[in-house]
Protein backbone atom coordinates (compact mmCIF):
# COMPACT_ATOMS: atom_id res chain seq x y z
CA MET A 1 8.78 -17.63 -17.65
CA PHE A 2 10.52 -14.77 -15.80
CA ASN A 3 14.18 -13.81 -15.64
CA LYS A 4 14.14 -12.90 -11.97
CA LYS A 5 17.70 -11.57 -11.68
CA THR A 6 17.25 -9.27 -14.64
CA LEU A 7 13.97 -7.91 -13.33
CA ILE A 8 15.33 -7.36 -9.82
CA SER A 9 18.36 -5.58 -11.28
CA PHE A 10 16.04 -3.38 -13.30
CA LEU A 11 14.03 -2.54 -10.18
CA LEU A 12 17.17 -1.65 -8.23
CA ILE A 13 18.44 0.58 -11.05
CA THR A 14 15.05 2.30 -11.22
CA LEU A 15 15.07 2.88 -7.47
CA LEU A 16 18.62 4.24 -7.59
CA THR A 17 17.81 6.58 -10.49
CA THR A 18 14.75 7.87 -8.67
CA SER A 19 16.79 8.43 -5.50
CA VAL A 20 19.47 10.38 -7.38
CA LYS A 21 16.82 12.56 -9.00
CA ALA A 22 15.17 13.20 -5.62
CA ILE A 23 18.52 14.14 -4.07
CA SER A 24 19.22 16.57 -6.92
CA GLU A 25 15.83 18.26 -6.45
CA THR A 26 16.38 18.40 -2.70
CA ASP A 27 19.77 20.08 -3.16
CA SER A 28 18.20 22.70 -5.44
CA LEU A 29 15.51 23.48 -2.87
CA LEU A 30 18.09 23.67 -0.07
CA HIS A 31 20.07 26.13 -2.16
CA ILE A 32 16.96 28.31 -2.48
CA THR A 33 16.44 28.33 1.29
CA LYS A 34 20.00 29.58 1.78
CA THR A 35 20.27 32.10 -1.03
CA SER A 36 16.83 33.54 -1.76
CA GLN A 37 16.19 37.09 -0.59
CA ALA A 38 12.42 36.59 -0.54
CA ASP A 39 11.10 35.01 2.66
CA THR A 40 7.96 33.66 1.00
CA ILE A 41 10.09 31.82 -1.57
CA LYS A 42 12.12 30.31 1.27
CA ILE A 43 8.93 29.20 3.03
CA LYS A 44 7.65 27.63 -0.18
CA ALA A 45 10.98 25.83 -0.66
CA PHE A 46 10.90 24.49 2.92
CA ASN A 47 7.39 23.18 2.34
CA GLU A 48 8.46 21.49 -0.89
CA LEU A 49 11.37 19.92 0.99
CA VAL A 50 8.92 18.47 3.50
CA LYS A 51 7.10 16.71 0.66
CA LYS A 52 10.35 15.51 -0.90
CA VAL A 53 11.99 13.92 2.13
CA PHE A 54 9.25 12.76 4.50
CA HIS A 55 9.03 9.28 2.93
CA TYR A 56 12.63 8.41 3.76
CA ASP A 57 13.63 10.96 6.43
CA PRO A 58 10.61 12.14 8.46
CA GLN A 59 12.77 13.73 11.16
CA GLN A 60 14.43 15.99 8.61
CA ALA A 61 11.00 16.75 7.18
CA PHE A 62 9.94 18.03 10.61
CA VAL A 63 13.04 20.25 10.72
CA PHE A 64 12.09 21.79 7.37
CA SER A 65 8.49 22.18 8.49
CA ASP A 66 9.52 23.94 11.70
CA SER A 67 11.78 26.27 9.70
CA ALA A 68 8.91 27.19 7.38
CA LEU A 69 6.58 27.76 10.32
CA ALA A 70 9.06 29.92 12.22
CA LEU A 71 9.77 32.03 9.14
CA SER A 72 6.09 32.52 8.29
CA LYS A 73 5.43 33.64 11.88
CA ARG A 74 8.42 35.96 11.84
CA ILE A 75 7.16 37.81 8.78
CA ASN A 76 3.58 37.57 10.08
CA ASN A 77 2.34 35.85 6.93
CA THR A 78 -0.84 34.08 8.03
CA TYR A 79 -1.47 32.48 4.64
CA TRP A 80 1.90 30.73 4.53
CA GLU A 81 1.57 29.77 8.17
CA GLY A 82 -1.65 28.00 7.23
CA ILE A 83 -0.07 26.27 4.22
CA THR A 84 2.83 25.12 6.38
CA ARG A 85 0.48 23.77 9.03
CA ILE A 86 -1.52 21.87 6.39
CA ASN A 87 1.67 20.16 5.26
CA LYS A 88 2.71 19.55 8.86
CA SER A 89 -0.64 17.94 9.66
CA SER A 90 -0.09 15.61 6.68
CA LEU A 91 3.40 14.82 7.94
CA LEU A 92 2.05 14.06 11.41
CA TYR A 93 -0.56 11.79 9.83
CA HIS A 94 2.08 9.82 7.94
CA THR A 95 4.22 9.48 11.08
CA GLU A 96 1.19 8.32 13.09
CA ARG A 97 1.16 11.32 15.44
CA TYR A 98 -2.54 11.72 14.96
CA LYS A 99 -3.42 13.85 17.98
CA GLU A 100 -0.82 16.46 17.05
CA GLY A 101 -2.00 16.26 13.45
CA ILE A 102 -5.56 17.02 14.50
CA GLU A 103 -4.33 20.07 16.43
CA GLN A 104 -2.42 21.37 13.41
CA ALA A 105 -5.29 20.76 10.98
CA SER A 106 -7.71 22.50 13.36
CA ILE A 107 -5.46 25.57 13.45
CA CYS A 108 -5.32 25.46 9.63
CA LEU A 109 -9.09 25.45 9.47
CA ARG A 110 -9.32 28.51 11.73
CA ILE A 111 -6.69 30.36 9.71
CA PHE A 112 -8.25 29.69 6.32
CA SER A 113 -11.78 30.30 7.60
CA SER A 114 -10.66 33.77 8.69
CA LEU A 115 -8.96 34.29 5.31
CA ARG A 116 -12.04 32.88 3.51
CA SER A 117 -9.78 30.62 1.47
CA GLU A 118 -12.29 27.97 0.47
CA LEU A 119 -9.83 25.66 -1.27
CA ASN A 120 -7.57 25.50 1.78
CA MET A 121 -10.58 25.13 4.07
CA ALA A 122 -11.50 22.05 2.04
CA LYS A 123 -7.94 20.74 2.39
CA SER A 124 -8.05 21.32 6.15
CA TYR A 125 -11.36 19.48 6.48
CA ASN A 126 -9.95 16.67 4.35
CA ASN A 127 -6.87 16.34 6.55
CA LEU A 128 -9.08 16.24 9.63
CA CYS A 129 -11.07 13.49 7.92
CA LEU A 130 -7.91 11.41 7.40
CA LEU A 131 -6.68 11.96 10.94
CA TYR A 132 -9.96 11.03 12.61
CA GLN A 133 -10.24 8.03 10.31
CA ALA A 134 -6.78 6.94 11.46
CA VAL A 135 -7.86 6.95 15.12
CA GLY A 136 -11.01 4.98 14.28
CA ASP A 137 -13.50 7.81 14.79
CA TYR A 138 -15.33 7.23 11.53
CA PRO A 139 -18.43 9.39 12.19
CA THR A 140 -16.29 12.47 12.89
CA ALA A 141 -14.08 11.65 9.91
CA LEU A 142 -17.10 11.38 7.65
CA ASP A 143 -18.55 14.63 8.97
CA PHE A 144 -15.34 16.47 8.09
CA ALA A 145 -15.24 14.73 4.71
CA TYR A 146 -18.73 15.92 3.83
CA GLN A 147 -17.88 19.46 4.93
CA ALA A 148 -14.87 19.32 2.63
CA LEU A 149 -17.09 17.90 -0.11
CA ARG A 150 -19.59 20.78 0.09
CA ILE A 151 -16.81 23.32 -0.41
CA ALA A 152 -15.09 21.36 -3.17
CA GLU A 153 -18.38 21.00 -5.04
CA LYS A 154 -19.06 24.71 -4.63
CA ILE A 155 -15.72 25.75 -6.10
CA ASN A 156 -15.68 22.79 -8.51
CA GLU A 157 -12.11 21.78 -7.61
CA LEU A 158 -11.66 18.39 -9.25
CA SER A 159 -8.42 17.38 -7.53
CA GLN A 160 -9.94 18.00 -4.11
CA LEU A 161 -13.17 16.31 -5.12
CA ALA A 162 -11.16 13.26 -6.13
CA ASN A 163 -9.33 13.14 -2.78
CA ILE A 164 -12.49 13.67 -0.77
CA HIS A 165 -14.52 11.10 -2.70
CA ASN A 166 -11.67 8.63 -2.22
CA ASN A 167 -11.52 9.28 1.53
CA ILE A 168 -15.28 8.89 1.91
CA GLY A 169 -15.04 5.66 -0.06
CA MET A 170 -12.28 4.43 2.24
CA ILE A 171 -14.34 5.11 5.37
CA TYR A 172 -17.23 3.10 3.95
CA TYR A 173 -14.77 0.39 2.89
CA LEU A 174 -13.37 0.14 6.42
CA LEU A 175 -16.91 -0.16 7.75
CA GLY A 176 -17.67 -2.95 5.31
CA MET A 177 -20.25 -0.86 3.44
CA GLN A 178 -19.15 -2.14 0.05
CA ASN A 179 -21.82 -0.53 -2.14
CA LYS A 180 -21.19 2.93 -0.72
CA SER A 181 -17.42 2.52 -0.91
CA THR A 182 -17.66 1.45 -4.55
CA GLU A 183 -19.88 4.44 -5.32
CA TYR A 184 -17.37 6.92 -3.93
CA PHE A 185 -14.28 5.16 -5.28
CA LEU A 186 -15.84 5.38 -8.74
CA LYS A 187 -16.63 9.07 -8.22
CA SER A 188 -13.01 9.66 -7.24
CA LEU A 189 -11.77 7.76 -10.27
CA ASP A 190 -14.08 9.76 -12.54
CA ASP A 191 -12.81 13.04 -11.02
CA ASN A 192 -9.21 12.03 -11.66
CA ILE A 193 -9.96 10.94 -15.22
CA LYS A 194 -11.67 14.28 -15.92
CA SER A 195 -8.75 16.25 -14.48
CA GLY A 196 -6.13 14.01 -16.10
CA ASN A 197 -4.56 13.21 -12.74
CA LYS A 198 -2.82 9.94 -13.52
CA GLN A 199 -1.49 9.32 -10.03
CA GLY A 200 -4.97 9.80 -8.63
CA MET A 201 -6.28 7.45 -11.29
CA ALA A 202 -3.77 4.83 -10.13
CA ILE A 203 -5.11 5.07 -6.57
CA GLY A 204 -8.63 4.68 -7.90
CA TYR A 205 -7.72 1.64 -9.97
CA LEU A 206 -6.01 0.03 -6.96
CA ASN A 207 -9.05 0.67 -4.76
CA MET A 208 -11.39 -0.81 -7.35
CA SER A 209 -9.11 -3.81 -7.63
CA SER A 210 -9.48 -4.39 -3.88
CA ILE A 211 -13.26 -4.19 -4.20
CA PHE A 212 -13.32 -6.79 -6.97
CA VAL A 213 -10.96 -9.10 -5.06
CA GLU A 214 -13.44 -9.07 -2.19
CA LYS A 215 -16.20 -9.89 -4.66
CA ASN A 216 -13.97 -12.69 -6.03
CA GLU A 217 -14.17 -11.13 -9.50
CA LEU A 218 -10.49 -11.71 -10.10
CA LYS A 219 -10.41 -10.90 -13.80
CA LYS A 220 -11.80 -7.41 -13.22
CA ALA A 221 -9.55 -7.00 -10.19
CA GLN A 222 -6.48 -7.78 -12.27
CA GLU A 223 -7.56 -5.46 -15.09
CA PHE A 224 -7.83 -2.52 -12.69
CA LEU A 225 -4.58 -3.49 -11.01
CA GLN A 226 -2.63 -3.60 -14.27
CA LYS A 227 -3.84 -0.08 -15.05
CA ALA A 228 -2.67 1.09 -11.62
CA LEU A 229 0.69 -0.62 -12.02
CA GLN A 230 1.31 0.92 -15.43
CA ILE A 231 0.76 4.45 -14.09
CA ASN A 232 2.78 3.86 -10.93
CA LYS A 233 5.71 2.61 -13.01
CA GLU A 234 5.41 5.66 -15.25
CA PHE A 235 5.87 7.94 -12.23
CA ASN A 236 8.30 5.68 -10.34
CA LEU A 237 5.98 5.51 -7.32
CA ASN A 238 7.80 2.75 -5.48
CA THR A 239 5.42 2.23 -2.57
CA ALA A 240 2.46 2.07 -4.93
CA ILE A 241 4.31 -0.32 -7.25
CA ALA A 242 5.00 -2.61 -4.30
CA GLN A 243 1.34 -2.45 -3.29
CA CYS A 244 0.36 -3.47 -6.81
CA TYR A 245 2.79 -6.39 -6.79
CA THR A 246 1.41 -7.48 -3.40
CA GLN A 247 -2.12 -7.37 -4.75
CA LEU A 248 -1.08 -9.18 -7.94
CA SER A 249 0.51 -11.92 -5.86
CA ASN A 250 -2.72 -12.29 -3.89
CA ILE A 251 -4.76 -12.55 -7.09
CA GLN A 252 -2.39 -15.19 -8.47
CA TYR A 253 -2.64 -17.13 -5.21
CA LEU A 254 -6.44 -17.02 -5.35
CA LYS A 255 -6.15 -18.32 -8.91
CA LYS A 256 -3.98 -21.13 -7.48
CA ASN A 257 -0.91 -19.92 -9.41
CA THR A 258 1.44 -20.18 -6.44
CA ASP A 259 4.68 -19.83 -8.43
CA SER A 260 3.53 -16.55 -9.97
CA ALA A 261 2.28 -15.39 -6.57
CA LEU A 262 5.74 -15.96 -5.08
CA ILE A 263 7.43 -14.06 -7.90
CA TYR A 264 5.22 -11.00 -7.44
CA ILE A 265 5.50 -11.06 -3.65
CA ASN A 266 9.30 -11.18 -3.89
CA TRP A 267 9.28 -8.18 -6.20
CA ALA A 268 7.19 -6.33 -3.62
CA LYS A 269 9.58 -7.38 -0.86
CA ASP A 270 12.61 -6.03 -2.74
CA ILE A 271 10.97 -2.62 -3.02
CA TYR A 272 9.76 -2.54 0.58
CA LEU A 273 13.28 -3.38 1.75
CA GLN A 274 14.67 -0.50 -0.28
CA ILE A 275 12.21 2.01 1.15
CA LYS A 276 12.22 0.45 4.66
CA ASP A 277 8.46 0.01 4.84
CA SER A 278 7.75 -2.19 7.89
CA LEU A 279 4.02 -2.39 7.23
CA GLY A 280 4.63 -3.56 3.68
CA LEU A 281 7.24 -6.08 4.81
CA ALA A 282 4.95 -7.55 7.47
CA THR A 283 2.26 -8.03 4.82
CA VAL A 284 4.72 -9.51 2.33
CA HIS A 285 6.10 -12.10 4.75
CA TYR A 286 2.66 -13.05 6.01
CA ASN A 287 1.42 -13.55 2.45
CA LYS A 288 4.53 -15.47 1.50
CA SER A 289 3.99 -17.81 4.45
CA LYS A 290 0.45 -18.41 3.27
CA TYR A 291 1.68 -19.30 -0.21
CA LEU A 292 4.35 -21.70 1.12
CA LYS A 293 2.25 -23.41 3.76
CA SER A 294 1.03 -26.28 1.60
CA SER A 295 4.47 -27.15 0.22
CA ASN A 296 7.03 -26.17 2.86
CA ILE A 297 5.93 -25.81 6.49
CA HIS A 298 9.43 -24.91 7.71
CA ALA A 299 9.83 -22.09 5.17
CA ALA A 300 6.31 -20.86 5.90
CA LEU A 301 7.09 -20.69 9.62
CA GLU A 302 10.29 -18.75 8.95
CA GLU A 303 8.33 -16.21 6.91
CA LEU A 304 5.83 -15.74 9.74
CA ILE A 305 8.60 -15.27 12.29
CA ILE A 306 10.00 -12.51 10.07
CA ALA A 307 6.51 -11.00 9.70
CA GLU A 308 6.19 -10.94 13.50
CA ARG A 309 9.37 -8.85 13.73
CA TYR A 310 7.79 -6.20 11.55
CA ILE A 311 4.59 -5.96 13.60
CA ALA A 312 4.13 -2.31 14.48
CA PRO A 313 1.32 -0.06 15.76
CA ASN A 314 0.35 0.90 12.22
CA ILE A 315 -0.57 -2.70 11.33
CA ASP A 316 -4.28 -3.23 11.78
CA LEU A 317 -5.58 -5.60 14.43
CA GLN A 318 -6.88 -8.18 11.97
CA GLN A 319 -3.47 -8.45 10.34
CA LYS A 320 -1.82 -9.01 13.73
CA ILE A 321 -4.41 -11.66 14.59
CA ASN A 322 -3.76 -13.36 11.25
CA ILE A 323 -0.02 -13.46 11.90
CA TYR A 324 -0.29 -14.81 15.45
CA SER A 325 -3.01 -17.31 14.53
CA ALA A 326 -0.92 -18.63 11.65
CA LEU A 327 2.13 -18.80 13.93
CA SER A 328 0.17 -20.79 16.50
CA GLU A 329 -0.99 -23.25 13.85
CA LEU A 330 2.47 -23.79 12.36
CA TYR A 331 4.18 -24.07 15.75
CA ALA A 332 1.63 -26.73 16.68
CA ILE A 333 2.36 -28.65 13.47
CA LYS A 334 6.07 -28.47 14.38
CA LYS A 335 5.12 -29.68 17.91
CA ASP A 336 6.52 -26.51 19.47
CA TYR A 337 3.60 -26.25 21.86
CA LYS A 338 5.06 -23.53 24.05
CA ASN A 339 5.31 -21.04 21.19
CA ALA A 340 2.04 -22.34 19.76
CA TYR A 341 0.25 -21.51 23.01
CA GLN A 342 1.97 -18.13 23.33
CA SER A 343 0.98 -17.13 19.79
CA PHE A 344 -2.54 -18.44 20.39
CA HIS A 345 -2.74 -16.35 23.57
CA PHE A 346 -1.59 -13.20 21.74
CA ALA A 347 -4.13 -13.82 18.99
CA ASN A 348 -6.96 -14.19 21.52
CA LEU A 349 -5.99 -11.01 23.34
CA LEU A 350 -6.07 -9.17 20.04
CA LYS A 351 -9.40 -10.78 19.14
CA ASP A 352 -10.89 -9.38 22.35
CA SER A 353 -9.67 -5.94 21.34
CA LEU A 354 -11.01 -6.48 17.84
CA ASN A 355 -14.41 -7.54 19.18
CA ASP A 356 -14.62 -4.32 21.17
CA PHE A 357 -13.58 -2.42 18.08
CA GLU A 358 -16.10 -4.30 15.93
CA GLN A 359 -18.90 -3.43 18.34
CA LYS A 360 -17.87 0.19 18.20
CA LYS A 361 -17.68 -0.07 14.43
CA LYS A 362 -21.23 -1.44 14.20
CA VAL A 363 -22.54 1.45 16.27
CA GLN A 364 -20.57 3.84 14.08
CA GLU A 365 -21.92 2.19 10.95
CA MET A 366 -25.51 2.70 12.10
CA GLN A 367 -24.72 6.28 13.02
CA ILE A 368 -23.00 6.86 9.70
CA ARG A 369 -25.92 5.39 7.74
CA PHE A 370 -28.16 7.93 9.43
CA GLU A 371 -25.68 10.79 9.08
CA THR A 372 -24.96 9.92 5.46
CA LYS A 373 -28.63 10.11 4.57
CA ARG A 374 -28.95 13.40 6.42
CA MET A 375 -25.86 14.84 4.73
CA GLU A 376 -26.90 13.64 1.30
CA ASN A 377 -30.36 15.15 1.85
CA GLU A 378 -28.73 18.41 2.89
CA ILE A 379 -26.52 18.40 -0.19
CA SER A 380 -29.58 17.61 -2.33
CA ARG A 381 -31.49 20.45 -0.67
CA LEU A 382 -28.65 22.89 -1.31
CA GLN A 383 -28.44 21.73 -4.92
CA GLN A 384 -32.19 22.27 -5.32
CA ILE A 385 -31.86 25.76 -3.86
CA THR A 386 -29.03 26.47 -6.28
CA GLU A 387 -31.04 25.10 -9.20
CA THR A 388 -34.08 27.15 -8.13
CA LYS A 389 -31.98 30.29 -7.95
CA GLU A 390 -30.51 29.52 -11.35
CA LYS A 391 -34.02 29.05 -12.77
CA GLU A 392 -35.14 32.31 -11.17
CA ASN A 393 -32.11 34.07 -12.61
CA THR A 394 -32.84 32.56 -16.01
CA GLN A 395 -36.48 33.67 -15.79
CA GLN A 396 -35.44 37.15 -14.75
CA GLN A 397 -32.99 37.31 -17.63
CA ASN A 398 -35.67 36.10 -20.05
CA GLU A 399 -38.15 38.64 -18.70
CA LEU A 400 -35.51 41.33 -19.02
CA LYS A 401 -34.87 40.28 -22.61
CA ARG A 402 -38.61 40.32 -23.36
CA SER A 403 -38.92 43.72 -21.73
CA LYS A 404 -36.03 45.06 -23.77
CA THR A 405 -37.52 43.55 -26.93
CA GLN A 406 -40.89 45.13 -26.18
CA GLN A 407 -39.24 48.47 -25.48
CA ALA A 408 -37.30 48.25 -28.72
CA LEU A 409 -40.48 47.35 -30.63
CA LEU A 410 -42.39 50.20 -29.01
CA LEU A 411 -39.57 52.58 -29.82
CA PHE A 412 -39.59 51.37 -33.41
CA ILE A 413 -43.37 51.88 -33.71
CA VAL A 414 -43.19 55.33 -32.14
CA SER A 415 -40.28 56.25 -34.39
CA ALA A 416 -42.14 54.95 -37.44
CA LEU A 417 -45.26 56.90 -36.51
CA ALA A 418 -43.19 60.01 -35.94
CA ILE A 419 -41.54 59.64 -39.33
CA MET A 420 -44.89 59.04 -41.01
CA SER A 421 -46.33 62.08 -39.23
CA ILE A 422 -43.45 64.23 -40.39
CA LEU A 423 -43.85 62.98 -43.95
CA LEU A 424 -47.58 63.61 -43.84
CA ILE A 425 -47.10 67.13 -42.52
CA ALA A 426 -44.49 67.76 -45.19
CA ILE A 427 -46.89 66.58 -47.90
CA LEU A 428 -49.70 68.78 -46.55
CA LEU A 429 -47.43 71.80 -46.36
CA ASN A 430 -46.27 71.19 -49.88
CA ARG A 431 -49.85 71.05 -51.17
CA THR A 432 -50.73 74.22 -49.27
CA GLU A 433 -47.84 76.07 -50.87
CA GLN A 434 -48.90 74.88 -54.31
CA ASN A 435 -52.44 76.14 -53.75
């Protein structure tokens, strides 16, 4: 059915081509930082370098970010300092330094509030949303998201609206509020379709696929996923491609097509190995173990042992519990009771932490339900005020038009009467002269 070697070779060539292109672009930007006479151009180049390299060399990305920040401070350019800090807060988010990221994003917000740069204020609020979401403070994250949303709606910035709607959807998704998450994921997808943002559309399709997997509507899930995969391949987005393959493997497994599931999960693994994504690799090996469990216990156990090696702080608690619980079960089957008990113990410790987290999450969910209603009412109120003002403006304009029309008509009548009077006088004078 599949020529695996050919496909893997193709993937490796694609990855290599993408890497060469990225290196070429990086060299060009580095050249600008060394040769440009304009400091703002250098700052912009440093910021672009941050975006280019942070996926594979975050430490170097921080060096570029610090260079941009130092230069913007040296020339006392507050705007570029703010832009640099926005990018740095994103970098800190991706490297899981959330507290520092919150500090940077807060400074950004102060800078752009003073500059009255609404777009960048929205970006700052959005970054704060992501950072607070990452530390599990969903109410604060949602509050920042809605503040970003108000600004983005005001300035009608579709790309920001798409990001914000997606982030709100993700918060609701994490809280298990499926209807609300679907609502906002669809809004985000619609924003990206309107703006023609294909990469954003791919994220939306992947999110919707996850929703339909949870609903066990696998056909719809796969349809959305294929759309996401097509776009991600078009733009050579390797992490996203691997995520799609992982999701495809899961769908195939749920359809009881284990062979296809293993093919897709191996494709995902090859990409994650190339980009050194520990979170992706942990997920891949856990899933692979699940697929192999019914046919090859020994191979399934080996996959779980590998998955355990990749366990890192950025893997969510439930995933860790799944790995240790599965390890305990397979060790017990192999009659390795010492490791079975140890894994069982780790799983229980994590479950206690998860229970505490779940309790906190329930409280947050209730708070968010209340806050969401309040925020939506506030947005509705502001929209009504805007609509009322627009109606008043329309009425005023209509009244002004009517007034101008009446004035014009009156002027016409007066002019006509004046002309008639002049003609009448002329006729009378003419008759008088004749007499």
